[in-house]
PDB file of N, CA and C in Angstrom:
ATOM      1  N   UNK A   1      35.338  41.186  -4.908  1.00  0.00           N
ATOM      2  CA  UNK A   1      35.174  39.944  -4.290  1.00  0.00           C
ATOM      3  C   UNK A   1      34.056  40.155  -3.179  1.00  0.00           C
ATOM      4  N   UNK A   2      34.150  41.307  -2.383  1.00  0.00           N
ATOM      5  CA  UNK A   2      33.216  41.567  -1.321  1.00  0.00           C
ATOM      6  C   UNK A   2      31.805  41.732  -1.909  1.00  0.00           C
ATOM      7  N   UNK A   3      31.729  42.486  -3.103  1.00  0.00           N
ATOM      8  CA  UNK A   3      30.426  42.779  -3.668  1.00  0.00           C
ATOM      9  C   UNK A   3      29.814  41.367  -4.203  1.00  0.00           C
ATOM     10  N   UNK A   4      30.594  40.531  -4.701  1.00  0.00           N
ATOM     11  CA  UNK A   4      30.101  39.152  -5.104  1.00  0.00           C
ATOM     12  C   UNK A   4      29.590  38.426  -3.874  1.00  0.00           C
ATOM     13  N   UNK A   5      30.299  38.370  -2.766  1.00  0.00           N
ATOM     14  CA  UNK A   5      29.829  37.802  -1.661  1.00  0.00           C
ATOM     15  C   UNK A   5      28.571  38.335  -1.101  1.00  0.00           C
ATOM     16  N   UNK A   6      28.365  39.649  -1.131  1.00  0.00           N
ATOM     17  CA  UNK A   6      27.120  40.309  -0.727  1.00  0.00           C
ATOM     18  C   UNK A   6      25.991  39.857  -1.580  1.00  0.00           C
ATOM     19  N   UNK A   7      26.263  39.751  -2.868  1.00  0.00           N
ATOM     20  CA  UNK A   7      25.272  39.286  -3.782  1.00  0.00           C
ATOM     21  C   UNK A   7      24.792  37.848  -3.577  1.00  0.00           C
ATOM     22  N   UNK A   8      25.786  36.973  -3.293  1.00  0.00           N
ATOM     23  CA  UNK A   8      25.461  35.580  -2.976  1.00  0.00           C
ATOM     24  C   UNK A   8      24.723  35.563  -1.635  1.00  0.00           C
ATOM     25  N   UNK A   9      25.170  36.317  -0.677  1.00  0.00           N
ATOM     26  CA  UNK A   9      24.529  36.355   0.628  1.00  0.00           C
ATOM     27  C   UNK A   9      23.048  36.880   0.512  1.00  0.00           C
ATOM     28  N   UNK A  10      22.855  37.841  -0.364  1.00  0.00           N
ATOM     29  CA  UNK A  10      21.488  38.396  -0.619  1.00  0.00           C
ATOM     30  C   UNK A  10      20.628  37.353  -1.254  1.00  0.00           C
ATOM     31  N   UNK A  11      21.032  36.660  -2.223  1.00  0.00           N
ATOM     32  CA  UNK A  11      20.343  35.586  -2.947  1.00  0.00           C
ATOM     33  C   UNK A  11      19.984  34.481  -1.951  1.00  0.00           C
ATOM     34  N   UNK A  12      20.980  34.149  -1.138  1.00  0.00           N
ATOM     35  CA  UNK A  12      20.773  33.016  -0.183  1.00  0.00           C
ATOM     36  C   UNK A  12      19.650  33.493   0.877  1.00  0.00           C
ATOM     37  N   UNK A  13      19.724  34.695   1.280  1.00  0.00           N
ATOM     38  CA  UNK A  13      18.720  35.260   2.223  1.00  0.00           C
ATOM     39  C   UNK A  13      17.352  35.193   1.518  1.00  0.00           C
ATOM     40  N   UNK A  14      17.242  35.540   0.284  1.00  0.00           N
ATOM     41  CA  UNK A  14      15.926  35.615  -0.425  1.00  0.00           C
ATOM     42  C   UNK A  14      15.423  34.140  -0.542  1.00  0.00           C
ATOM     43  N   UNK A  15      16.315  33.181  -0.838  1.00  0.00           N
ATOM     44  CA  UNK A  15      15.803  31.753  -1.010  1.00  0.00           C
ATOM     45  C   UNK A  15      15.333  31.317   0.377  1.00  0.00           C
ATOM     46  N   UNK A  16      16.047  31.604   1.381  1.00  0.00           N
ATOM     47  CA  UNK A  16      15.692  31.155   2.735  1.00  0.00           C
ATOM     48  C   UNK A  16      14.336  31.766   3.189  1.00  0.00           C
ATOM     49  N   UNK A  17      14.081  32.992   2.823  1.00  0.00           N
ATOM     50  CA  UNK A  17      12.897  33.712   3.130  1.00  0.00           C
ATOM     51  C   UNK A  17      11.692  33.028   2.408  1.00  0.00           C
ATOM     52  N   UNK A  18      11.964  32.807   1.031  1.00  0.00           N
ATOM     53  CA  UNK A  18      11.012  32.130   0.291  1.00  0.00           C
ATOM     54  C   UNK A  18      10.589  30.657   0.799  1.00  0.00           C
ATOM     55  N   UNK A  19      11.598  29.968   1.213  1.00  0.00           N
ATOM     56  CA  UNK A  19      11.469  28.547   1.707  1.00  0.00           C
ATOM     57  C   UNK A  19      10.630  28.642   3.047  1.00  0.00           C
ATOM     58  N   UNK A  20      10.935  29.671   3.794  1.00  0.00           N
ATOM     59  CA  UNK A  20      10.223  29.725   5.085  1.00  0.00           C
ATOM     60  C   UNK A  20       8.703  30.079   4.894  1.00  0.00           C
ATOM     61  N   UNK A  21       8.441  31.047   4.070  1.00  0.00           N
ATOM     62  CA  UNK A  21       7.092  31.566   3.710  1.00  0.00           C
ATOM     63  C   UNK A  21       6.319  30.466   3.121  1.00  0.00           C
ATOM     64  N   UNK A  22       6.919  29.703   2.133  1.00  0.00           N
ATOM     65  CA  UNK A  22       6.171  28.611   1.493  1.00  0.00           C
ATOM     66  C   UNK A  22       6.002  27.461   2.337  1.00  0.00           C
ATOM     67  N   UNK A  23       6.783  27.319   3.382  1.00  0.00           N
ATOM     68  CA  UNK A  23       6.689  26.192   4.326  1.00  0.00           C
ATOM     69  C   UNK A  23       5.435  26.362   5.328  1.00  0.00           C
ATOM     70  N   UNK A  24       4.891  27.574   5.418  1.00  0.00           N
ATOM     71  CA  UNK A  24       3.796  27.851   6.190  1.00  0.00           C
ATOM     72  C   UNK A  24       2.456  27.588   5.341  1.00  0.00           C
ATOM     73  N   UNK A  25       1.868  26.441   5.474  1.00  0.00           N
ATOM     74  CA  UNK A  25       0.869  26.059   4.579  1.00  0.00           C
ATOM     75  C   UNK A  25      -0.568  26.399   5.165  1.00  0.00           C
ATOM     76  N   UNK A  26      -0.628  26.622   6.445  1.00  0.00           N
ATOM     77  CA  UNK A  26      -1.975  26.867   7.044  1.00  0.00           C
ATOM     78  C   UNK A  26      -2.336  28.348   6.905  1.00  0.00           C
ATOM     79  N   UNK A  27      -3.649  28.522   6.736  1.00  0.00           N
ATOM     80  CA  UNK A  27      -4.251  29.836   6.800  1.00  0.00           C
ATOM     81  C   UNK A  27      -5.056  30.102   8.034  1.00  0.00           C
ATOM     82  N   UNK A  28      -4.970  29.136   8.901  1.00  0.00           N
ATOM     83  CA  UNK A  28      -5.727  29.240  10.110  1.00  0.00           C
ATOM     84  C   UNK A  28      -4.875  29.977  11.245  1.00  0.00           C
ATOM     85  N   UNK A  29      -5.554  30.682  12.129  1.00  0.00           N
ATOM     86  CA  UNK A  29      -4.951  31.238  13.172  1.00  0.00           C
ATOM     87  C   UNK A  29      -4.721  30.047  14.280  1.00  0.00           C
ATOM     88  N   UNK A  30      -3.794  30.257  15.258  1.00  0.00           N
ATOM     89  CA  UNK A  30      -3.672  29.237  16.264  1.00  0.00           C
ATOM     90  C   UNK A  30      -5.035  28.925  16.973  1.00  0.00           C
ATOM     91  N   UNK A  31      -5.784  29.922  17.221  1.00  0.00           N
ATOM     92  CA  UNK A  31      -7.088  29.683  17.938  1.00  0.00           C
ATOM     93  C   UNK A  31      -8.006  28.832  17.005  1.00  0.00           C
ATOM     94  N   UNK A  32      -7.983  28.996  15.710  1.00  0.00           N
ATOM     95  CA  UNK A  32      -8.865  28.179  14.820  1.00  0.00           C
ATOM     96  C   UNK A  32      -8.367  26.750  14.845  1.00  0.00           C
ATOM     97  N   UNK A  33      -7.090  26.624  14.881  1.00  0.00           N
ATOM     98  CA  UNK A  33      -6.390  25.224  14.895  1.00  0.00           C
ATOM     99  C   UNK A  33      -6.824  24.515  16.196  1.00  0.00           C
ATOM    100  N   UNK A  34      -6.795  25.226  17.324  1.00  0.00           N
ATOM    101  CA  UNK A  34      -7.238  24.593  18.590  1.00  0.00           C
ATOM    102  C   UNK A  34      -8.690  24.318  18.579  1.00  0.00           C
ATOM    103  N   UNK A  35      -9.489  25.169  17.918  1.00  0.00           N
ATOM    104  CA  UNK A  35     -10.994  24.884  17.884  1.00  0.00           C
ATOM    105  C   UNK A  35     -11.280  23.650  17.061  1.00  0.00           C
ATOM    106  N   UNK A  36     -10.555  23.562  15.910  1.00  0.00           N
ATOM    107  CA  UNK A  36     -10.717  22.378  15.078  1.00  0.00           C
ATOM    108  C   UNK A  36     -10.255  21.071  15.745  1.00  0.00           C
ATOM    109  N   UNK A  37      -9.215  21.159  16.596  1.00  0.00           N
ATOM    110  CA  UNK A  37      -8.686  19.971  17.311  1.00  0.00           C
ATOM    111  C   UNK A  37      -9.733  19.530  18.333  1.00  0.00           C
ATOM    112  N   UNK A  38     -10.314  20.576  18.973  1.00  0.00           N
ATOM    113  CA  UNK A  38     -11.379  20.303  19.963  1.00  0.00           C
ATOM    114  C   UNK A  38     -12.527  19.713  19.390  1.00  0.00           C
ATOM    115  N   UNK A  39     -12.940  20.248  18.221  1.00  0.00           N
ATOM    116  CA  UNK A  39     -14.188  19.690  17.539  1.00  0.00           C
ATOM    117  C   UNK A  39     -13.860  18.278  17.089  1.00  0.00           C
ATOM    118  N   UNK A  40     -12.688  18.008  16.582  1.00  0.00           N
ATOM    119  CA  UNK A  40     -12.311  16.668  16.087  1.00  0.00           C
ATOM    120  C   UNK A  40     -12.393  15.705  17.204  1.00  0.00           C
ATOM    121  N   UNK A  41     -11.858  16.112  18.409  1.00  0.00           N
ATOM    122  CA  UNK A  41     -11.789  15.197  19.627  1.00  0.00           C
ATOM    123  C   UNK A  41     -13.298  14.943  20.004  1.00  0.00           C
ATOM    124  N   UNK A  42     -14.107  15.929  19.961  1.00  0.00           N
ATOM    125  CA  UNK A  42     -15.524  15.710  20.438  1.00  0.00           C
ATOM    126  C   UNK A  42     -16.338  14.892  19.496  1.00  0.00           C
ATOM    127  N   UNK A  43     -16.036  14.972  18.173  1.00  0.00           N
ATOM    128  CA  UNK A  43     -16.732  14.139  17.165  1.00  0.00           C
ATOM    129  C   UNK A  43     -16.209  12.666  17.354  1.00  0.00           C
ATOM    130  N   UNK A  44     -14.887  12.468  17.591  1.00  0.00           N
ATOM    131  CA  UNK A  44     -14.327  11.224  17.622  1.00  0.00           C
ATOM    132  C   UNK A  44     -14.916  10.538  18.898  1.00  0.00           C
ATOM    133  N   UNK A  45     -15.051  11.280  19.989  1.00  0.00           N
ATOM    134  CA  UNK A  45     -15.674  10.796  21.254  1.00  0.00           C
ATOM    135  C   UNK A  45     -17.047  10.289  21.035  1.00  0.00           C
ATOM    136  N   UNK A  46     -17.830  11.056  20.332  1.00  0.00           N
ATOM    137  CA  UNK A  46     -19.162  10.652  20.051  1.00  0.00           C
ATOM    138  C   UNK A  46     -19.267   9.368  19.168  1.00  0.00           C
ATOM    139  N   UNK A  47     -18.381   9.282  18.275  1.00  0.00           N
ATOM    140  CA  UNK A  47     -18.348   8.148  17.303  1.00  0.00           C
ATOM    141  C   UNK A  47     -17.716   6.927  17.897  1.00  0.00           C
ATOM    142  N   UNK A  48     -17.114   6.958  19.068  1.00  0.00           N
ATOM    143  CA  UNK A  48     -16.505   5.770  19.663  1.00  0.00           C
ATOM    144  C   UNK A  48     -17.330   5.364  20.878  1.00  0.00           C
ATOM    145  N   UNK A  49     -18.480   6.050  21.047  1.00  0.00           N
ATOM    146  CA  UNK A  49     -19.285   5.615  22.133  1.00  0.00           C
ATOM    147  C   UNK A  49     -20.025   4.248  21.901  1.00  0.00           C
ATOM    148  N   UNK A  50     -20.694   3.730  22.935  1.00  0.00           N
ATOM    149  CA  UNK A  50     -21.294   2.350  22.876  1.00  0.00           C
ATOM    150  C   UNK A  50     -22.217   2.343  21.599  1.00  0.00           C
ATOM    151  N   UNK A  51     -22.928   3.384  21.383  1.00  0.00           N
ATOM    152  CA  UNK A  51     -23.917   3.286  20.319  1.00  0.00           C
ATOM    153  C   UNK A  51     -23.248   3.101  18.917  1.00  0.00           C
ATOM    154  N   UNK A  52     -22.035   3.418  18.791  1.00  0.00           N
ATOM    155  CA  UNK A  52     -21.302   3.283  17.473  1.00  0.00           C
ATOM    156  C   UNK A  52     -20.224   2.236  17.626  1.00  0.00           C
ATOM    157  N   UNK A  53     -20.398   1.234  18.402  1.00  0.00           N
ATOM    158  CA  UNK A  53     -19.325   0.233  18.607  1.00  0.00           C
ATOM    159  C   UNK A  53     -19.088  -0.618  17.350  1.00  0.00           C
ATOM    160  N   UNK A  54     -19.983  -0.546  16.402  1.00  0.00           N
ATOM    161  CA  UNK A  54     -19.739  -1.365  15.225  1.00  0.00           C
ATOM    162  C   UNK A  54     -19.068  -0.608  14.081  1.00  0.00           C
ATOM    163  N   UNK A  55     -18.668   0.596  14.422  1.00  0.00           N
ATOM    164  CA  UNK A  55     -17.894   1.348  13.282  1.00  0.00           C
ATOM    165  C   UNK A  55     -16.593   0.723  12.997  1.00  0.00           C
ATOM    166  N   UNK A  56     -16.150   0.728  11.710  1.00  0.00           N
ATOM    167  CA  UNK A  56     -14.939   0.122  11.219  1.00  0.00           C
ATOM    168  C   UNK A  56     -14.122   1.203  10.719  1.00  0.00           C
ATOM    169  N   UNK A  57     -12.974   1.344  10.964  1.00  0.00           N
ATOM    170  CA  UNK A  57     -12.104   2.314  10.226  1.00  0.00           C
ATOM    171  C   UNK A  57     -12.713   3.769   9.848  1.00  0.00           C
ATOM    172  N   UNK A  58     -13.113   4.619  10.801  1.00  0.00           N
ATOM    173  CA  UNK A  58     -13.557   5.834  10.471  1.00  0.00           C
ATOM    174  C   UNK A  58     -12.606   6.935  10.797  1.00  0.00           C
ATOM    175  N   UNK A  59     -12.355   7.800   9.853  1.00  0.00           N
ATOM    176  CA  UNK A  59     -11.473   8.909  10.138  1.00  0.00           C
ATOM    177  C   UNK A  59     -12.131  10.196  10.211  1.00  0.00           C
ATOM    178  N   UNK A  60     -11.768  11.146  11.128  1.00  0.00           N
ATOM    179  CA  UNK A  60     -12.446  12.453  11.330  1.00  0.00           C
ATOM    180  C   UNK A  60     -11.388  13.498  11.125  1.00  0.00           C
ATOM    181  N   UNK A  61     -11.589  14.314  10.209  1.00  0.00           N
ATOM    182  CA  UNK A  61     -10.746  15.509   9.930  1.00  0.00           C
ATOM    183  C   UNK A  61     -11.616  16.828   9.984  1.00  0.00           C
ATOM    184  N   UNK A  62     -11.036  17.883  10.618  1.00  0.00           N
ATOM    185  CA  UNK A  62     -11.831  19.150  10.788  1.00  0.00           C
ATOM    186  C   UNK A  62     -10.912  20.300  10.265  1.00  0.00           C
ATOM    187  N   UNK A  63     -11.525  21.117   9.373  1.00  0.00           N
ATOM    188  CA  UNK A  63     -10.863  22.290   8.852  1.00  0.00           C
ATOM    189  C   UNK A  63     -11.860  23.444   8.997  1.00  0.00           C
ATOM    190  N   UNK A  64     -11.476  24.447   9.618  1.00  0.00           N
ATOM    191  CA  UNK A  64     -12.402  25.649   9.703  1.00  0.00           C
ATOM    192  C   UNK A  64     -13.782  25.280  10.156  1.00  0.00           C
ATOM    193  N   UNK A  65     -13.931  24.289  11.043  1.00  0.00           N
ATOM    194  CA  UNK A  65     -15.264  23.931  11.551  1.00  0.00           C
ATOM    195  C   UNK A  65     -15.960  22.954  10.642  1.00  0.00           C
ATOM    196  N   UNK A  66     -15.415  22.582   9.536  1.00  0.00           N
ATOM    197  CA  UNK A  66     -16.089  21.667   8.574  1.00  0.00           C
ATOM    198  C   UNK A  66     -15.455  20.255   8.891  1.00  0.00           C
ATOM    199  N   UNK A  67     -16.295  19.307   9.279  1.00  0.00           N
ATOM    200  CA  UNK A  67     -15.827  17.979   9.601  1.00  0.00           C
ATOM    201  C   UNK A  67     -15.987  17.104   8.401  1.00  0.00           C
ATOM    202  N   UNK A  68     -15.015  16.366   8.106  1.00  0.00           N
ATOM    203  CA  UNK A  68     -15.020  15.353   7.013  1.00  0.00           C
ATOM    204  C   UNK A  68     -14.945  13.986   7.693  1.00  0.00           C
ATOM    205  N   UNK A  69     -15.911  13.170   7.396  1.00  0.00           N
ATOM    206  CA  UNK A  69     -15.939  11.740   7.870  1.00  0.00           C
ATOM    207  C   UNK A  69     -15.522  10.809   6.755  1.00  0.00           C
ATOM    208  N   UNK A  70     -14.592   9.993   6.945  1.00  0.00           N
ATOM    209  CA  UNK A  70     -14.136   9.039   5.828  1.00  0.00           C
ATOM    210  C   UNK A  70     -13.982   7.764   6.427  1.00  0.00           C
ATOM    211  N   UNK A  71     -14.178   6.735   5.704  1.00  0.00           N
ATOM    212  CA  UNK A  71     -13.870   5.338   6.119  1.00  0.00           C
ATOM    213  C   UNK A  71     -15.031   4.510   5.779  1.00  0.00           C
ATOM    214  N   UNK A  72     -15.228   3.361   6.527  1.00  0.00           N
ATOM    215  CA  UNK A  72     -16.205   2.342   6.254  1.00  0.00           C
ATOM    216  C   UNK A  72     -17.215   2.167   7.484  1.00  0.00           C
ATOM    217  N   UNK A  73     -18.452   2.042   7.121  1.00  0.00           N
ATOM    218  CA  UNK A  73     -19.502   1.752   8.000  1.00  0.00           C
ATOM    219  C   UNK A  73     -20.392   0.555   7.650  1.00  0.00           C
ATOM    220  N   UNK A  74     -20.959  -0.093   8.573  1.00  0.00           N
ATOM    221  CA  UNK A  74     -21.692  -1.423   8.155  1.00  0.00           C
ATOM    222  C   UNK A  74     -23.058  -1.146   7.283  1.00  0.00           C
ATOM    223  N   UNK A  75     -23.689   0.023   7.460  1.00  0.00           N
ATOM    224  CA  UNK A  75     -24.956   0.216   6.748  1.00  0.00           C
ATOM    225  C   UNK A  75     -25.320   1.706   6.644  1.00  0.00           C
ATOM    226  N   UNK A  76     -26.245   1.978   5.747  1.00  0.00           N
ATOM    227  CA  UNK A  76     -26.644   3.385   5.563  1.00  0.00           C
ATOM    228  C   UNK A  76     -27.142   4.075   6.864  1.00  0.00           C
ATOM    229  N   UNK A  77     -27.868   3.346   7.697  1.00  0.00           N
ATOM    230  CA  UNK A  77     -28.314   3.984   8.918  1.00  0.00           C
ATOM    231  C   UNK A  77     -27.166   4.389   9.852  1.00  0.00           C
ATOM    232  N   UNK A  78     -26.103   3.639  10.028  1.00  0.00           N
ATOM    233  CA  UNK A  78     -24.932   4.132  10.694  1.00  0.00           C
ATOM    234  C   UNK A  78     -24.342   5.334  10.077  1.00  0.00           C
ATOM    235  N   UNK A  79     -24.335   5.237   8.825  1.00  0.00           N
ATOM    236  CA  UNK A  79     -23.710   6.461   8.058  1.00  0.00           C
ATOM    237  C   UNK A  79     -24.546   7.735   8.424  1.00  0.00           C
ATOM    238  N   UNK A  80     -25.782   7.604   8.290  1.00  0.00           N
ATOM    239  CA  UNK A  80     -26.566   8.823   8.694  1.00  0.00           C
ATOM    240  C   UNK A  80     -26.528   9.261  10.093  1.00  0.00           C
ATOM    241  N   UNK A  81     -26.518   8.226  11.022  1.00  0.00           N
ATOM    242  CA  UNK A  81     -26.395   8.545  12.483  1.00  0.00           C
ATOM    243  C   UNK A  81     -25.072   9.091  12.818  1.00  0.00           C
ATOM    244  N   UNK A  82     -23.939   8.747  12.072  1.00  0.00           N
ATOM    245  CA  UNK A  82     -22.645   9.315  12.370  1.00  0.00           C
ATOM    246  C   UNK A  82     -22.598  10.800  11.968  1.00  0.00           C
ATOM    247  N   UNK A  83     -23.261  11.074  10.728  1.00  0.00           N
ATOM    248  CA  UNK A  83     -23.306  12.439  10.349  1.00  0.00           C
ATOM    249  C   UNK A  83     -24.144  13.345  11.322  1.00  0.00           C
ATOM    250  N   UNK A  84     -25.349  12.857  11.815  1.00  0.00           N
ATOM    251  CA  UNK A  84     -26.081  13.551  12.704  1.00  0.00           C
ATOM    252  C   UNK A  84     -25.381  13.780  14.024  1.00  0.00           C
ATOM    253  N   UNK A  85     -24.654  12.894  14.542  1.00  0.00           N
ATOM    254  CA  UNK A  85     -23.775  13.034  15.752  1.00  0.00           C
ATOM    255  C   UNK A  85     -22.708  14.102  15.513  1.00  0.00           C
ATOM    256  N   UNK A  86     -22.157  14.036  14.385  1.00  0.00           N
ATOM    257  CA  UNK A  86     -21.033  14.998  14.056  1.00  0.00           C
ATOM    258  C   UNK A  86     -21.552  16.418  14.048  1.00  0.00           C
ATOM    259  N   UNK A  87     -22.768  16.513  13.480  1.00  0.00           N
ATOM    260  CA  UNK A  87     -23.422  17.892  13.294  1.00  0.00           C
ATOM    261  C   UNK A  87     -23.834  18.320  14.692  1.00  0.00           C
ATOM    262  N   UNK A  88     -24.011  17.497  15.627  1.00  0.00           N
ATOM    263  CA  UNK A  88     -24.415  17.958  16.947  1.00  0.00           C
ATOM    264  C   UNK A  88     -23.358  18.552  17.790  1.00  0.00           C
ATOM    265  N   UNK A  89     -22.146  18.407  17.467  1.00  0.00           N
ATOM    266  CA  UNK A  89     -21.041  18.896  18.207  1.00  0.00           C
ATOM    267  C   UNK A  89     -20.934  20.377  18.057  1.00  0.00           C
ATOM    268  N   UNK A  90     -20.772  21.156  19.197  1.00  0.00           N
ATOM    269  CA  UNK A  90     -20.696  22.589  19.178  1.00  0.00           C
ATOM    270  C   UNK A  90     -19.515  23.062  18.330  1.00  0.00           C
ATOM    271  N   UNK A  91     -19.684  23.972  17.446  1.00  0.00           N
ATOM    272  CA  UNK A  91     -18.624  24.593  16.555  1.00  0.00           C
ATOM    273  C   UNK A  91     -18.612  24.018  15.207  1.00  0.00           C
ATOM    274  N   UNK A  92     -19.369  22.914  14.986  1.00  0.00           N
ATOM    275  CA  UNK A  92     -19.316  22.335  13.586  1.00  0.00           C
ATOM    276  C   UNK A  92     -20.188  23.153  12.726  1.00  0.00           C
ATOM    277  N   UNK A  93     -19.584  23.477  11.627  1.00  0.00           N
ATOM    278  CA  UNK A  93     -20.190  24.457  10.585  1.00  0.00           C
ATOM    279  C   UNK A  93     -20.793  23.614   9.458  1.00  0.00           C
ATOM    280  N   UNK A  94     -20.364  22.497   9.239  1.00  0.00           N
ATOM    281  CA  UNK A  94     -20.775  21.558   8.252  1.00  0.00           C
ATOM    282  C   UNK A  94     -20.222  20.162   8.315  1.00  0.00           C
ATOM    283  N   UNK A  95     -20.738  19.210   7.631  1.00  0.00           N
ATOM    284  CA  UNK A  95     -20.232  17.903   7.674  1.00  0.00           C
ATOM    285  C   UNK A  95     -20.114  17.335   6.172  1.00  0.00           C
ATOM    286  N   UNK A  96     -18.926  16.920   5.778  1.00  0.00           N
ATOM    287  CA  UNK A  96     -18.774  16.141   4.486  1.00  0.00           C
ATOM    288  C   UNK A  96     -18.815  14.660   4.828  1.00  0.00           C
ATOM    289  N   UNK A  97     -19.891  14.015   4.505  1.00  0.00           N
ATOM    290  CA  UNK A  97     -19.955  12.602   4.873  1.00  0.00           C
ATOM    291  C   UNK A  97     -19.449  11.791   3.683  1.00  0.00           C
ATOM    292  N   UNK A  98     -18.197  11.308   3.767  1.00  0.00           N
ATOM    293  CA  UNK A  98     -17.518  10.586   2.743  1.00  0.00           C
ATOM    294  C   UNK A  98     -17.531   8.999   3.111  1.00  0.00           C
ATOM    295  N   UNK A  99     -18.279   8.716   4.209  1.00  0.00           N
ATOM    296  CA  UNK A  99     -18.317   7.288   4.730  1.00  0.00           C
ATOM    297  C   UNK A  99     -18.942   6.358   3.634  1.00  0.00           C
ATOM    298  N   UNK A 100     -18.311   5.148   3.483  1.00  0.00           N
ATOM    299  CA  UNK A 100     -18.649   4.265   2.480  1.00  0.00           C
ATOM    300  C   UNK A 100     -19.393   2.984   3.251  1.00  0.00           C
ATOM    301  N   UNK A 101     -20.411   2.548   2.725  1.00  0.00           N
ATOM    302  CA  UNK A 101     -21.066   1.424   3.321  1.00  0.00           C
ATOM    303  C   UNK A 101     -20.361   0.047   2.817  1.00  0.00           C
ATOM    304  N   UNK A 102     -19.930  -0.708   3.853  1.00  0.00           N
ATOM    305  CA  UNK A 102     -19.251  -1.897   3.467  1.00  0.00           C
ATOM    306  C   UNK A 102     -20.070  -2.826   2.686  1.00  0.00           C
ATOM    307  N   UNK A 103     -19.500  -3.568   1.843  1.00  0.00           N
ATOM    308  CA  UNK A 103     -20.272  -4.621   1.036  1.00  0.00           C
ATOM    309  C   UNK A 103     -20.702  -5.705   1.900  1.00  0.00           C
ATOM    310  N   UNK A 104     -22.003  -6.108   1.728  1.00  0.00           N
ATOM    311  CA  UNK A 104     -22.472  -7.233   2.509  1.00  0.00           C
ATOM    312  C   UNK A 104     -21.647  -8.493   2.188  1.00  0.00           C
ATOM    313  N   UNK A 105     -21.411  -9.289   3.186  1.00  0.00           N
ATOM    314  CA  UNK A 105     -20.643 -10.503   2.985  1.00  0.00           C
ATOM    315  C   UNK A 105     -21.546 -11.563   2.205  1.00  0.00           C
ATOM    316  N   UNK A 106     -20.981 -12.184   1.282  1.00  0.00           N
ATOM    317  CA  UNK A 106     -21.678 -13.095   0.461  1.00  0.00           C
ATOM    318  C   UNK A 106     -21.605 -14.571   1.193  1.00  0.00           C
ATOM    319  N   UNK A 107     -22.608 -15.278   1.126  1.00  0.00           N
ATOM    320  CA  UNK A 107     -22.634 -16.640   1.766  1.00  0.00           C
ATOM    321  C   UNK A 107     -21.643 -17.571   1.079  1.00  0.00           C
TER     322      UNK A 107
END
């Protein structure tokens, strides 16, 4: 009976360890995560300035210094300008511009 209990306890410990390890999905160090958060905040600050007051629903995600812009903008020029502003932030290694130009309203 004691051996069976030890076996069950061992299996439970192995399952717990496996769950713990698989729950850690990030490969970034805490410093990299803070850097990405700072970059994201700086990009968002630039994109919410007066110059970009006409942006609609833009999401900014940063992973390992790569900024992804997603959402909707009114025209191609704003799309290009948003990417240029994002690239100007210190620490940005690249920009994935997934912004979509909104459809012009029909009369």
